[in-house]
Amino acid sequence: MTKLVEEFHRQLRERLQVFFRDQSEGWDIPPAQLYRLEGFIEAGLSLQLVSQDEVRQQLLSLATDYLPEEDAELYRQDERIVLHLHMKTAPVYPSTSST
């Protein structure tokens, strides 16, 4: 494995770990961060720095480590390379005024 490929794999692992850890801790994932990570993965696939199987294996492993079982199941069932968001819905309270 070349240094370029090794560096890509290191950065991918690190970025995915942050993505899953932040969700497991209840943090919101900003859309820009999500899109950059998806673009990084797509670039690696296009340049053949990583295979789809390697990416799927990392996604499943990290989802299993960081997410509840039902959320991790999405990664087992999905053949696509997709980053699923698992943020809790913010509470919404009805307005007290009637207009």
PDB file of N, CA and C in Angstrom:
ATOM      1  N   MET A   1       0.852  -1.181   0.000  1.00  0.00           N
ATOM      2  CA  MET A   1       0.000   0.000   0.000  1.00  0.00           C
ATOM      3  C   MET A   1       0.899   1.245   0.000  1.00  0.00           C
ATOM      4  N   THR A   2       0.594   2.169  -0.873  1.00  0.00           N
ATOM      5  CA  THR A   2       1.402   3.384  -0.953  1.00  0.00           C
ATOM      6  C   THR A   2       1.077   4.320   0.208  1.00  0.00           C
ATOM      7  N   LYS A   3       1.956   5.298   0.403  1.00  0.00           N
ATOM      8  CA  LYS A   3       1.726   6.270   1.478  1.00  0.00           C
ATOM      9  C   LYS A   3       0.426   7.039   1.266  1.00  0.00           C
ATOM     10  N   LEU A   4       0.118   7.346   0.007  1.00  0.00           N
ATOM     11  CA  LEU A   4      -1.120   8.068  -0.307  1.00  0.00           C
ATOM     12  C   LEU A   4      -2.341   7.253   0.112  1.00  0.00           C
ATOM     13  N   VAL A   5      -2.344   5.978  -0.222  1.00  0.00           N
ATOM     14  CA  VAL A   5      -3.467   5.106   0.132  1.00  0.00           C
ATOM     15  C   VAL A   5      -3.552   4.949   1.647  1.00  0.00           C
ATOM     16  N   GLU A   6      -2.413   4.767   2.297  1.00  0.00           N
ATOM     17  CA  GLU A   6      -2.399   4.647   3.762  1.00  0.00           C
ATOM     18  C   GLU A   6      -2.950   5.906   4.416  1.00  0.00           C
ATOM     19  N   GLU A   7      -2.548   7.070   3.910  1.00  0.00           N
ATOM     20  CA  GLU A   7      -3.026   8.337   4.470  1.00  0.00           C
ATOM     21  C   GLU A   7      -4.524   8.500   4.242  1.00  0.00           C
ATOM     22  N   PHE A   8      -5.005   8.117   3.073  1.00  0.00           N
ATOM     23  CA  PHE A   8      -6.441   8.198   2.814  1.00  0.00           C
ATOM     24  C   PHE A   8      -7.200   7.308   3.792  1.00  0.00           C
ATOM     25  N   HIS A   9      -6.755   6.079   3.980  1.00  0.00           N
ATOM     26  CA  HIS A   9      -7.421   5.151   4.898  1.00  0.00           C
ATOM     27  C   HIS A   9      -7.411   5.693   6.329  1.00  0.00           C
ATOM     28  N   ARG A  10      -6.286   6.289   6.743  1.00  0.00           N
ATOM     29  CA  ARG A  10      -6.192   6.852   8.095  1.00  0.00           C
ATOM     30  C   ARG A  10      -7.202   7.979   8.269  1.00  0.00           C
ATOM     31  N   GLN A  11      -7.232   8.890   7.290  1.00  0.00           N
ATOM     32  CA  GLN A  11      -8.163  10.017   7.385  1.00  0.00           C
ATOM     33  C   GLN A  11      -9.613   9.558   7.317  1.00  0.00           C
ATOM     34  N   LEU A  12      -9.902   8.593   6.468  1.00  0.00           N
ATOM     35  CA  LEU A  12     -11.271   8.081   6.367  1.00  0.00           C
ATOM     36  C   LEU A  12     -11.714   7.483   7.693  1.00  0.00           C
ATOM     37  N   ARG A  13     -10.874   6.650   8.279  1.00  0.00           N
ATOM     38  CA  ARG A  13     -11.197   6.022   9.560  1.00  0.00           C
ATOM     39  C   ARG A  13     -11.437   7.087  10.633  1.00  0.00           C
ATOM     40  N   GLU A  14     -10.555   8.088  10.669  1.00  0.00           N
ATOM     41  CA  GLU A  14     -10.672   9.165  11.657  1.00  0.00           C
ATOM     42  C   GLU A  14     -11.958   9.977  11.460  1.00  0.00           C
ATOM     43  N   ARG A  15     -12.254  10.354  10.230  1.00  0.00           N
ATOM     44  CA  ARG A  15     -13.444  11.166   9.944  1.00  0.00           C
ATOM     45  C   ARG A  15     -14.736  10.393  10.221  1.00  0.00           C
ATOM     46  N   LEU A  16     -14.754   9.119   9.854  1.00  0.00           N
ATOM     47  CA  LEU A  16     -15.944   8.309  10.129  1.00  0.00           C
ATOM     48  C   LEU A  16     -16.131   8.113  11.630  1.00  0.00           C
ATOM     49  N   GLN A  17     -15.035   7.932  12.341  1.00  0.00           N
ATOM     50  CA  GLN A  17     -15.130   7.749  13.788  1.00  0.00           C
ATOM     51  C   GLN A  17     -15.714   8.999  14.448  1.00  0.00           C
ATOM     52  N   VAL A  18     -15.280  10.167  14.018  1.00  0.00           N
ATOM     53  CA  VAL A  18     -15.825  11.426  14.548  1.00  0.00           C
ATOM     54  C   VAL A  18     -17.311  11.533  14.215  1.00  0.00           C
ATOM     55  N   PHE A  19     -17.691  11.188  12.987  1.00  0.00           N
ATOM     56  CA  PHE A  19     -19.090  11.231  12.552  1.00  0.00           C
ATOM     57  C   PHE A  19     -19.973  10.371  13.457  1.00  0.00           C
ATOM     58  N   PHE A  20     -19.574   9.132  13.687  1.00  0.00           N
ATOM     59  CA  PHE A  20     -20.386   8.227  14.507  1.00  0.00           C
ATOM     60  C   PHE A  20     -20.326   8.596  15.991  1.00  0.00           C
ATOM     61  N   ARG A  21     -19.156   8.996  16.476  1.00  0.00           N
ATOM     62  CA  ARG A  21     -19.033   9.368  17.888  1.00  0.00           C
ATOM     63  C   ARG A  21     -19.894  10.587  18.211  1.00  0.00           C
ATOM     64  N   ASP A  22     -19.833  11.597  17.345  1.00  0.00           N
ATOM     65  CA  ASP A  22     -20.624  12.805  17.585  1.00  0.00           C
ATOM     66  C   ASP A  22     -22.118  12.488  17.640  1.00  0.00           C
ATOM     67  N   GLN A  23     -22.591  11.637  16.746  1.00  0.00           N
ATOM     68  CA  GLN A  23     -24.007  11.257  16.774  1.00  0.00           C
ATOM     69  C   GLN A  23     -24.344  10.508  18.056  1.00  0.00           C
ATOM     70  N   SER A  24     -23.459   9.605  18.469  1.00  0.00           N
ATOM     71  CA  SER A  24     -23.743   8.813  19.672  1.00  0.00           C
ATOM     72  C   SER A  24     -23.774   9.684  20.921  1.00  0.00           C
ATOM     73  N   GLU A  25     -23.081  10.827  20.870  1.00  0.00           N
ATOM     74  CA  GLU A  25     -23.061  11.753  22.005  1.00  0.00           C
ATOM     75  C   GLU A  25     -24.167  12.804  21.914  1.00  0.00           C
ATOM     76  N   GLY A  26     -25.007  12.696  20.879  1.00  0.00           N
ATOM     77  CA  GLY A  26     -26.145  13.600  20.758  1.00  0.00           C
ATOM     78  C   GLY A  26     -25.880  14.888  20.011  1.00  0.00           C
ATOM     79  N   TRP A  27     -24.714  15.027  19.415  1.00  0.00           N
ATOM     80  CA  TRP A  27     -24.400  16.242  18.673  1.00  0.00           C
ATOM     81  C   TRP A  27     -25.063  16.221  17.300  1.00  0.00           C
ATOM     82  N   ASP A  28     -25.476  17.396  16.831  1.00  0.00           N
ATOM     83  CA  ASP A  28     -25.993  17.527  15.470  1.00  0.00           C
ATOM     84  C   ASP A  28     -24.821  17.471  14.494  1.00  0.00           C
ATOM     85  N   ILE A  29     -25.059  16.869  13.341  1.00  0.00           N
ATOM     86  CA  ILE A  29     -24.060  16.833  12.277  1.00  0.00           C
ATOM     87  C   ILE A  29     -24.455  17.904  11.265  1.00  0.00           C
ATOM     88  N   PRO A  30     -23.657  18.964  11.139  1.00  0.00           N
ATOM     89  CA  PRO A  30     -24.006  20.008  10.169  1.00  0.00           C
ATOM     90  C   PRO A  30     -24.010  19.438   8.750  1.00  0.00           C
ATOM     91  N   PRO A  31     -24.942  19.896   7.909  1.00  0.00           N
ATOM     92  CA  PRO A  31     -24.995  19.388   6.534  1.00  0.00           C
ATOM     93  C   PRO A  31     -23.657  19.494   5.802  1.00  0.00           C
ATOM     94  N   ALA A  32     -22.937  20.592   5.992  1.00  0.00           N
ATOM     95  CA  ALA A  32     -21.655  20.758   5.298  1.00  0.00           C
ATOM     96  C   ALA A  32     -20.673  19.656   5.688  1.00  0.00           C
ATOM     97  N   GLN A  33     -20.644  19.293   6.966  1.00  0.00           N
ATOM     98  CA  GLN A  33     -19.751  18.226   7.423  1.00  0.00           C
ATOM     99  C   GLN A  33     -20.152  16.891   6.795  1.00  0.00           C
ATOM    100  N   LEU A  34     -21.435  16.626   6.752  1.00  0.00           N
ATOM    101  CA  LEU A  34     -21.936  15.388   6.148  1.00  0.00           C
ATOM    102  C   LEU A  34     -21.567  15.325   4.665  1.00  0.00           C
ATOM    103  N   TYR A  35     -21.795  16.417   3.940  1.00  0.00           N
ATOM    104  CA  TYR A  35     -21.522  16.430   2.500  1.00  0.00           C
ATOM    105  C   TYR A  35     -20.025  16.325   2.208  1.00  0.00           C
ATOM    106  N   ARG A  36     -19.195  16.973   3.033  1.00  0.00           N
ATOM    107  CA  ARG A  36     -17.745  16.848   2.839  1.00  0.00           C
ATOM    108  C   ARG A  36     -17.294  15.405   3.033  1.00  0.00           C
ATOM    109  N   LEU A  37     -17.827  14.751   4.058  1.00  0.00           N
ATOM    110  CA  LEU A  37     -17.444  13.364   4.324  1.00  0.00           C
ATOM    111  C   LEU A  37     -17.911  12.447   3.200  1.00  0.00           C
ATOM    112  N   GLU A  38     -19.143  12.639   2.739  1.00  0.00           N
ATOM    113  CA  GLU A  38     -19.630  11.830   1.615  1.00  0.00           C
ATOM    114  C   GLU A  38     -18.789  12.084   0.359  1.00  0.00           C
ATOM    115  N   GLY A  39     -18.408  13.335   0.121  1.00  0.00           N
ATOM    116  CA  GLY A  39     -17.561  13.665  -1.026  1.00  0.00           C
ATOM    117  C   GLY A  39     -16.175  13.061  -0.905  1.00  0.00           C
ATOM    118  N   PHE A  40     -15.639  13.053   0.307  1.00  0.00           N
ATOM    119  CA  PHE A  40     -14.329  12.442   0.565  1.00  0.00           C
ATOM    120  C   PHE A  40     -14.376  10.952   0.237  1.00  0.00           C
ATOM    121  N   ILE A  41     -15.435  10.293   0.675  1.00  0.00           N
ATOM    122  CA  ILE A  41     -15.602   8.863   0.390  1.00  0.00           C
ATOM    123  C   ILE A  41     -15.730   8.643  -1.111  1.00  0.00           C
ATOM    124  N   GLU A  42     -16.551   9.446  -1.770  1.00  0.00           N
ATOM    125  CA  GLU A  42     -16.761   9.305  -3.216  1.00  0.00           C
ATOM    126  C   GLU A  42     -15.460   9.516  -3.983  1.00  0.00           C
ATOM    127  N   ALA A  43     -14.663  10.498  -3.568  1.00  0.00           N
ATOM    128  CA  ALA A  43     -13.377  10.738  -4.232  1.00  0.00           C
ATOM    129  C   ALA A  43     -12.453   9.534  -4.061  1.00  0.00           C
ATOM    130  N   GLY A  44     -12.414   8.982  -2.861  1.00  0.00           N
ATOM    131  CA  GLY A  44     -11.582   7.802  -2.621  1.00  0.00           C
ATOM    132  C   GLY A  44     -12.004   6.616  -3.465  1.00  0.00           C
ATOM    133  N   LEU A  45     -13.312   6.444  -3.612  1.00  0.00           N
ATOM    134  CA  LEU A  45     -13.819   5.359  -4.460  1.00  0.00           C
ATOM    135  C   LEU A  45     -13.455   5.605  -5.927  1.00  0.00           C
ATOM    136  N   SER A  46     -13.645   6.827  -6.394  1.00  0.00           N
ATOM    137  CA  SER A  46     -13.364   7.164  -7.795  1.00  0.00           C
ATOM    138  C   SER A  46     -11.884   7.013  -8.133  1.00  0.00           C
ATOM    139  N   LEU A  47     -11.022   7.374  -7.188  1.00  0.00           N
ATOM    140  CA  LEU A  47      -9.575   7.286  -7.408  1.00  0.00           C
ATOM    141  C   LEU A  47      -9.016   5.914  -7.038  1.00  0.00           C
ATOM    142  N   GLN A  48      -9.894   5.010  -6.640  1.00  0.00           N
ATOM    143  CA  GLN A  48      -9.533   3.642  -6.253  1.00  0.00           C
ATOM    144  C   GLN A  48      -8.532   3.612  -5.097  1.00  0.00           C
ATOM    145  N   LEU A  49      -8.695   4.557  -4.167  1.00  0.00           N
ATOM    146  CA  LEU A  49      -7.892   4.559  -2.949  1.00  0.00           C
ATOM    147  C   LEU A  49      -8.506   3.646  -1.902  1.00  0.00           C
ATOM    148  N   VAL A  50      -9.773   3.319  -2.099  1.00  0.00           N
ATOM    149  CA  VAL A  50     -10.520   2.466  -1.178  1.00  0.00           C
ATOM    150  C   VAL A  50     -11.602   1.759  -1.994  1.00  0.00           C
ATOM    151  N   SER A  51     -11.976   0.569  -1.559  1.00  0.00           N
ATOM    152  CA  SER A  51     -13.032  -0.166  -2.265  1.00  0.00           C
ATOM    153  C   SER A  51     -14.370   0.020  -1.558  1.00  0.00           C
ATOM    154  N   GLN A  52     -15.450  -0.264  -2.271  1.00  0.00           N
ATOM    155  CA  GLN A  52     -16.777  -0.185  -1.657  1.00  0.00           C
ATOM    156  C   GLN A  52     -16.880  -1.136  -0.470  1.00  0.00           C
ATOM    157  N   ASP A  53     -16.304  -2.318  -0.600  1.00  0.00           N
ATOM    158  CA  ASP A  53     -16.349  -3.282   0.505  1.00  0.00           C
ATOM    159  C   ASP A  53     -15.635  -2.756   1.741  1.00  0.00           C
ATOM    160  N   GLU A  54     -14.493  -2.085   1.541  1.00  0.00           N
ATOM    161  CA  GLU A  54     -13.759  -1.526   2.678  1.00  0.00           C
ATOM    162  C   GLU A  54     -14.578  -0.436   3.368  1.00  0.00           C
ATOM    163  N   VAL A  55     -15.214   0.421   2.576  1.00  0.00           N
ATOM    164  CA  VAL A  55     -16.031   1.496   3.153  1.00  0.00           C
ATOM    165  C   VAL A  55     -17.224   0.904   3.894  1.00  0.00           C
ATOM    166  N   ARG A  56     -17.923  -0.020   3.268  1.00  0.00           N
ATOM    167  CA  ARG A  56     -19.091  -0.640   3.916  1.00  0.00           C
ATOM    168  C   ARG A  56     -18.686  -1.331   5.213  1.00  0.00           C
ATOM    169  N   GLN A  57     -17.538  -2.010   5.208  1.00  0.00           N
ATOM    170  CA  GLN A  57     -17.066  -2.695   6.410  1.00  0.00           C
ATOM    171  C   GLN A  57     -16.807  -1.688   7.537  1.00  0.00           C
ATOM    172  N   GLN A  58     -16.187  -0.556   7.209  1.00  0.00           N
ATOM    173  CA  GLN A  58     -15.946   0.470   8.229  1.00  0.00           C
ATOM    174  C   GLN A  58     -17.253   1.068   8.735  1.00  0.00           C
ATOM    175  N   LEU A  59     -18.180   1.349   7.817  1.00  0.00           N
ATOM    176  CA  LEU A  59     -19.470   1.910   8.228  1.00  0.00           C
ATOM    177  C   LEU A  59     -20.195   0.965   9.177  1.00  0.00           C
ATOM    178  N   LEU A  60     -20.239  -0.299   8.836  1.00  0.00           N
ATOM    179  CA  LEU A  60     -20.933  -1.276   9.666  1.00  0.00           C
ATOM    180  C   LEU A  60     -20.246  -1.446  11.014  1.00  0.00           C
ATOM    181  N   SER A  61     -18.932  -1.512  11.009  1.00  0.00           N
ATOM    182  CA  SER A  61     -18.185  -1.676  12.257  1.00  0.00           C
ATOM    183  C   SER A  61     -18.414  -0.494  13.201  1.00  0.00           C
ATOM    184  N   LEU A  62     -18.309   0.720  12.677  1.00  0.00           N
ATOM    185  CA  LEU A  62     -18.496   1.906  13.518  1.00  0.00           C
ATOM    186  C   LEU A  62     -19.949   2.075  13.942  1.00  0.00           C
ATOM    187  N   ALA A  63     -20.880   1.763  13.060  1.00  0.00           N
ATOM    188  CA  ALA A  63     -22.297   1.839  13.428  1.00  0.00           C
ATOM    189  C   ALA A  63     -22.589   0.872  14.568  1.00  0.00           C
ATOM    190  N   THR A  64     -22.026  -0.318  14.502  1.00  0.00           N
ATOM    191  CA  THR A  64     -22.220  -1.314  15.559  1.00  0.00           C
ATOM    192  C   THR A  64     -21.594  -0.846  16.870  1.00  0.00           C
ATOM    193  N   ASP A  65     -20.434  -0.198  16.785  1.00  0.00           N
ATOM    194  CA  ASP A  65     -19.735   0.274  17.987  1.00  0.00           C
ATOM    195  C   ASP A  65     -20.430   1.463  18.647  1.00  0.00           C
ATOM    196  N   TYR A  66     -20.996   2.365  17.845  1.00  0.00           N
ATOM    197  CA  TYR A  66     -21.471   3.640  18.382  1.00  0.00           C
ATOM    198  C   TYR A  66     -22.985   3.817  18.445  1.00  0.00           C
ATOM    199  N   LEU A  67     -23.728   3.085  17.638  1.00  0.00           N
ATOM    200  CA  LEU A  67     -25.166   3.345  17.540  1.00  0.00           C
ATOM    201  C   LEU A  67     -25.991   2.245  18.194  1.00  0.00           C
ATOM    202  N   PRO A  68     -27.230   2.569  18.575  1.00  0.00           N
ATOM    203  CA  PRO A  68     -28.138   1.524  19.052  1.00  0.00           C
ATOM    204  C   PRO A  68     -28.353   0.478  17.953  1.00  0.00           C
ATOM    205  N   GLU A  69     -28.690  -0.725  18.358  1.00  0.00           N
ATOM    206  CA  GLU A  69     -28.830  -1.856  17.434  1.00  0.00           C
ATOM    207  C   GLU A  69     -29.739  -1.549  16.247  1.00  0.00           C
ATOM    208  N   GLU A  70     -30.899  -0.915  16.499  1.00  0.00           N
ATOM    209  CA  GLU A  70     -31.836  -0.656  15.395  1.00  0.00           C
ATOM    210  C   GLU A  70     -31.268   0.334  14.381  1.00  0.00           C
ATOM    211  N   ASP A  71     -30.430   1.278  14.832  1.00  0.00           N
ATOM    212  CA  ASP A  71     -29.797   2.216  13.900  1.00  0.00           C
ATOM    213  C   ASP A  71     -28.673   1.538  13.123  1.00  0.00           C
ATOM    214  N   ALA A  72     -27.901   0.708  13.798  1.00  0.00           N
ATOM    215  CA  ALA A  72     -26.817  -0.025  13.132  1.00  0.00           C
ATOM    216  C   ALA A  72     -27.372  -0.976  12.074  1.00  0.00           C
ATOM    217  N   GLU A  73     -28.586  -1.460  12.298  1.00  0.00           N
ATOM    218  CA  GLU A  73     -29.212  -2.386  11.350  1.00  0.00           C
ATOM    219  C   GLU A  73     -29.375  -1.752   9.962  1.00  0.00           C
ATOM    220  N   LEU A  74     -29.567  -0.434   9.906  1.00  0.00           N
ATOM    221  CA  LEU A  74     -29.671   0.251   8.608  1.00  0.00           C
ATOM    222  C   LEU A  74     -28.432   0.008   7.755  1.00  0.00           C
ATOM    223  N   TYR A  75     -27.268   0.001   8.392  1.00  0.00           N
ATOM    224  CA  TYR A  75     -26.024  -0.205   7.652  1.00  0.00           C
ATOM    225  C   TYR A  75     -25.870  -1.652   7.202  1.00  0.00           C
ATOM    226  N   ARG A  76     -26.446  -2.585   7.943  1.00  0.00           N
ATOM    227  CA  ARG A  76     -26.403  -3.992   7.525  1.00  0.00           C
ATOM    228  C   ARG A  76     -27.285  -4.227   6.306  1.00  0.00           C
ATOM    229  N   GLN A  77     -28.415  -3.541   6.260  1.00  0.00           N
ATOM    230  CA  GLN A  77     -29.397  -3.770   5.202  1.00  0.00           C
ATOM    231  C   GLN A  77     -29.144  -2.945   3.942  1.00  0.00           C
ATOM    232  N   ASP A  78     -28.403  -1.861   4.059  1.00  0.00           N
ATOM    233  CA  ASP A  78     -28.221  -0.940   2.937  1.00  0.00           C
ATOM    234  C   ASP A  78     -26.951  -1.291   2.166  1.00  0.00           C
ATOM    235  N   GLU A  79     -27.102  -1.617   0.907  1.00  0.00           N
ATOM    236  CA  GLU A  79     -25.955  -1.957   0.060  1.00  0.00           C
ATOM    237  C   GLU A  79     -25.241  -0.705  -0.463  1.00  0.00           C
ATOM    238  N   ARG A  80     -25.915   0.440  -0.355  1.00  0.00           N
ATOM    239  CA  ARG A  80     -25.326   1.684  -0.853  1.00  0.00           C
ATOM    240  C   ARG A  80     -24.310   2.218   0.147  1.00  0.00           C
ATOM    241  N   ILE A  81     -23.471   3.128  -0.333  1.00  0.00           N
ATOM    242  CA  ILE A  81     -22.569   3.855   0.552  1.00  0.00           C
ATOM    243  C   ILE A  81     -23.306   5.136   0.937  1.00  0.00           C
ATOM    244  N   VAL A  82     -23.991   5.089   2.074  1.00  0.00           N
ATOM    245  CA  VAL A  82     -24.808   6.210   2.534  1.00  0.00           C
ATOM    246  C   VAL A  82     -24.528   6.429   4.014  1.00  0.00           C
ATOM    247  N   LEU A  83     -24.378   7.695   4.389  1.00  0.00           N
ATOM    248  CA  LEU A  83     -24.224   8.030   5.801  1.00  0.00           C
ATOM    249  C   LEU A  83     -25.598   8.391   6.345  1.00  0.00           C
ATOM    250  N   HIS A  84     -26.127   7.543   7.183  1.00  0.00           N
ATOM    251  CA  HIS A  84     -27.447   7.765   7.770  1.00  0.00           C
ATOM    252  C   HIS A  84     -27.302   8.640   9.012  1.00  0.00           C
ATOM    253  N   LEU A  85     -28.175   9.621   9.143  1.00  0.00           N
ATOM    254  CA  LEU A  85     -28.172  10.471  10.337  1.00  0.00           C
ATOM    255  C   LEU A  85     -29.106   9.880  11.377  1.00  0.00           C
ATOM    256  N   HIS A  86     -28.671   9.889  12.619  1.00  0.00           N
ATOM    257  CA  HIS A  86     -29.443   9.298  13.714  1.00  0.00           C
ATOM    258  C   HIS A  86     -29.571  10.276  14.874  1.00  0.00           C
ATOM    259  N   MET A  87     -29.838  11.516  14.537  1.00  0.00           N
ATOM    260  CA  MET A  87     -29.980  12.528  15.577  1.00  0.00           C
ATOM    261  C   MET A  87     -31.397  12.489  16.128  1.00  0.00           C
ATOM    262  N   LYS A  88     -31.504  12.746  17.404  1.00  0.00           N
ATOM    263  CA  LYS A  88     -32.827  12.784  18.028  1.00  0.00           C
ATOM    264  C   LYS A  88     -33.576  14.028  17.561  1.00  0.00           C
ATOM    265  N   THR A  89     -34.869  13.883  17.391  1.00  0.00           N
ATOM    266  CA  THR A  89     -35.711  14.997  16.985  1.00  0.00           C
ATOM    267  C   THR A  89     -35.825  15.997  18.129  1.00  0.00           C
ATOM    268  N   ALA A  90     -35.669  17.263  17.795  1.00  0.00           N
ATOM    269  CA  ALA A  90     -35.797  18.304  18.807  1.00  0.00           C
ATOM    270  C   ALA A  90     -37.254  18.403  19.242  1.00  0.00           C
ATOM    271  N   PRO A  91     -37.474  18.674  20.523  1.00  0.00           N
ATOM    272  CA  PRO A  91     -38.861  18.802  20.978  1.00  0.00           C
ATOM    273  C   PRO A  91     -39.517  20.037  20.361  1.00  0.00           C
ATOM    274  N   VAL A  92     -40.763  19.889  19.997  1.00  0.00           N
ATOM    275  CA  VAL A  92     -41.535  20.998  19.426  1.00  0.00           C
ATOM    276  C   VAL A  92     -42.758  21.191  20.310  1.00  0.00           C
ATOM    277  N   TYR A  93     -42.948  22.415  20.740  1.00  0.00           N
ATOM    278  CA  TYR A  93     -44.070  22.720  21.619  1.00  0.00           C
ATOM    279  C   TYR A  93     -45.078  23.582  20.869  1.00  0.00           C
ATOM    280  N   PRO A  94     -46.352  23.289  20.989  1.00  0.00           N
ATOM    281  CA  PRO A  94     -47.358  24.102  20.294  1.00  0.00           C
ATOM    282  C   PRO A  94     -47.392  25.517  20.858  1.00  0.00           C
ATOM    283  N   SER A  95     -47.759  26.428  20.005  1.00  0.00           N
ATOM    284  CA  SER A  95     -47.880  27.817  20.413  1.00  0.00           C
ATOM    285  C   SER A  95     -49.033  27.952  21.406  1.00  0.00           C
ATOM    286  N   THR A  96     -48.880  28.854  22.353  1.00  0.00           N
ATOM    287  CA  THR A  96     -49.948  29.060  23.336  1.00  0.00           C
ATOM    288  C   THR A  96     -50.940  30.118  22.876  1.00  0.00           C
ATOM    289  N   SER A  97     -50.577  30.845  21.833  1.00  0.00           N
ATOM    290  CA  SER A  97     -51.517  31.863  21.349  1.00  0.00           C
ATOM    291  C   SER A  97     -52.312  31.305  20.182  1.00  0.00           C
ATOM    292  N   SER A  98     -53.558  31.696  20.118  1.00  0.00           N
ATOM    293  CA  SER A  98     -54.390  31.264  18.992  1.00  0.00           C
ATOM    294  C   SER A  98     -54.667  32.486  18.130  1.00  0.00           C
ATOM    295  N   THR A  99     -54.216  32.418  16.901  1.00  0.00           N
ATOM    296  CA  THR A  99     -54.418  33.558  15.994  1.00  0.00           C
ATOM    297  C   THR A  99     -55.200  33.134  14.791  1.00  0.00           C
TER     298      THR A  99
END
